[in-house]
Amino acid sequence: MEYKLATKAQAAALFLRFYPVDYKDLDNQQMFNDEKEKLDEDLTADVLRALSEKFAELVPDYEFSTAELQGYLLSCFQEPEKAVEGIEAWVEQERTDKKGRREREEKKIKQQQAKKASFEAKFGKGFTV
């Protein structure tokens, strides 16, 4: 099964799954059994929808998987405002991290190619150990 990168609409939907309008419906779910605090009653459906739209607006299309976004949202458990406030910094940090991983991988490949070329120059092409 192929997983594709998330769209803004998927990011907004995921946000609303983490911060549902009818939060009390989640009381019986296992993951919330130990969690006694509820979202502030001031967070109405309209406010949550607006937050989800702002969140989605700040998440670039087709750059992150839903799993990556879910990981971020887990770090802001029960804090939708914090999730929106921190998403831009998270996106930038993820981009930096991915760039660093990509550069390390490219360096590793170049080192392997140089090692192979050196081995072939010394022992001839097609020689294997």
Protein backbone atom coordinates (compact mmCIF):
# COMPACT_ATOMS: atom_id res chain seq x y z
CA MET A 1 0.00 0.00 0.00
CA GLU A 2 1.38 3.35 -1.01
CA TYR A 3 1.02 6.27 1.37
CA LYS A 4 1.04 9.68 -0.22
CA LEU A 5 2.01 12.99 1.30
CA ALA A 6 -0.73 15.01 2.94
CA THR A 7 -2.74 17.82 1.40
CA LYS A 8 -3.91 20.89 3.27
CA ALA A 9 -7.42 19.39 3.44
CA GLN A 10 -6.01 16.23 5.03
CA ALA A 11 -4.01 18.33 7.51
CA ALA A 12 -7.18 20.20 8.54
CA ALA A 13 -9.13 16.95 8.91
CA LEU A 14 -6.33 15.41 10.99
CA PHE A 15 -6.31 18.49 13.22
CA LEU A 16 -10.04 18.13 13.86
CA ARG A 17 -9.56 14.44 14.68
CA PHE A 18 -7.06 15.44 17.37
CA TYR A 19 -9.17 18.29 18.67
CA PRO A 20 -12.76 17.23 18.00
CA VAL A 21 -15.65 19.61 18.45
CA ASP A 22 -17.56 17.16 20.64
CA TYR A 23 -14.63 16.27 22.89
CA LYS A 24 -16.77 14.64 25.56
CA ASP A 25 -17.57 11.82 23.13
CA LEU A 26 -14.00 10.63 23.63
CA ASP A 27 -14.40 10.02 27.38
CA ASN A 28 -14.68 6.26 26.92
CA GLN A 29 -11.67 5.79 24.69
CA GLN A 30 -8.73 4.05 26.36
CA MET A 31 -6.14 6.65 25.43
CA PHE A 32 -8.08 9.30 27.38
CA ASN A 33 -8.91 7.25 30.48
CA ASP A 34 -6.09 8.74 32.53
CA GLU A 35 -6.51 12.21 31.10
CA LYS A 36 -8.93 14.22 33.25
CA GLU A 37 -8.52 17.64 31.68
CA LYS A 38 -10.87 18.64 28.89
CA LEU A 39 -10.47 21.25 26.23
CA ASP A 40 -11.55 24.68 27.41
CA GLU A 41 -15.27 25.11 27.01
CA ASP A 42 -14.56 28.36 25.18
CA LEU A 43 -13.26 26.41 22.19
CA THR A 44 -16.43 26.26 20.16
CA ALA A 45 -16.87 24.40 16.91
CA ASP A 46 -16.24 27.62 14.97
CA VAL A 47 -13.01 28.32 16.83
CA LEU A 48 -11.75 24.78 16.29
CA ARG A 49 -12.62 24.93 12.59
CA ALA A 50 -10.81 28.26 12.29
CA LEU A 51 -7.77 26.79 14.05
CA SER A 52 -7.82 23.75 11.75
CA GLU A 53 -7.93 26.03 8.71
CA LYS A 54 -5.02 28.11 10.01
CA PHE A 55 -3.07 24.93 10.77
CA ALA A 56 -3.72 23.59 7.26
CA GLU A 57 -2.78 26.93 5.72
CA LEU A 58 0.67 26.64 7.38
CA VAL A 59 1.24 23.03 6.31
CA PRO A 60 2.61 22.84 2.75
CA ASP A 61 0.80 20.50 0.35
CA TYR A 62 2.51 17.19 -0.43
CA GLU A 63 5.56 17.72 1.79
CA PHE A 64 4.74 15.75 4.95
CA SER A 65 3.01 12.46 5.56
CA THR A 66 -0.03 12.22 7.76
CA ALA A 67 2.13 10.17 10.16
CA GLU A 68 4.60 13.06 10.46
CA LEU A 69 1.77 15.51 11.09
CA GLN A 70 0.23 13.13 13.60
CA GLY A 71 3.56 12.96 15.45
CA TYR A 72 3.63 16.73 15.64
CA LEU A 73 0.03 16.93 16.87
CA LEU A 74 0.79 14.33 19.55
CA SER A 75 3.44 16.70 20.88
CA CYS A 76 0.68 19.30 21.37
CA PHE A 77 -1.83 16.95 22.99
CA GLN A 78 -4.94 18.84 24.10
CA GLU A 79 -3.40 22.18 23.11
CA PRO A 80 -4.82 23.17 19.71
CA GLU A 81 -3.62 26.77 19.98
CA LYS A 82 -0.09 25.54 20.68
CA ALA A 83 -0.31 23.24 17.64
CA VAL A 84 -1.16 26.16 15.39
CA GLU A 85 1.41 28.49 16.98
CA GLY A 86 4.22 25.97 16.59
CA ILE A 87 3.53 24.46 13.17
CA GLU A 88 5.63 26.96 11.19
CA ALA A 89 8.70 26.34 13.36
CA TRP A 90 8.10 22.59 13.12
CA VAL A 91 7.88 22.75 9.30
CA GLU A 92 11.16 24.68 9.13
CA GLN A 93 12.88 22.29 11.55
CA GLU A 94 11.66 19.28 9.59
CA ARG A 95 12.93 20.81 6.35
CA THR A 96 16.32 21.43 7.94
CA ASP A 97 16.46 17.89 9.33
CA LYS A 98 15.46 16.34 6.00
CA LYS A 99 18.05 18.43 4.16
CA GLY A 100 20.73 17.28 6.61
CA ARG A 101 19.74 13.62 6.18
CA ARG A 102 19.72 14.00 2.39
CA GLU A 103 23.19 15.62 2.43
CA ARG A 104 24.59 12.87 4.68
CA GLU A 105 23.11 10.21 2.40
CA GLU A 106 24.57 11.86 -0.70
CA LYS A 107 27.98 12.07 0.99
CA LYS A 108 27.79 8.39 1.92
CA ILE A 109 26.93 7.42 -1.67
CA LYS A 110 29.83 9.50 -3.04
CA GLN A 111 32.20 7.84 -0.57
CA GLN A 112 30.98 4.39 -1.62
CA GLN A 113 31.39 5.30 -5.30
CA ALA A 114 34.92 6.59 -4.68
CA LYS A 115 35.80 3.44 -2.75
CA LYS A 116 34.43 1.27 -5.57
CA ALA A 117 36.33 3.27 -8.20
CA SER A 118 39.52 2.95 -6.18
CA PHE A 119 39.00 -0.80 -5.77
CA GLU A 120 38.32 -1.22 -9.50
CA ALA A 121 41.40 0.83 -10.40
CA LYS A 122 43.53 -1.37 -8.18
CA PHE A 123 42.05 -4.80 -8.99
CA GLY A 124 40.24 -4.28 -12.29
CA LYS A 125 36.65 -3.85 -13.23
CA GLY A 126 34.36 -6.74 -12.37
CA PHE A 127 36.63 -8.15 -9.66
CA THR A 128 34.67 -9.19 -6.59
CA VAL A 129 35.70 -10.29 -3.15
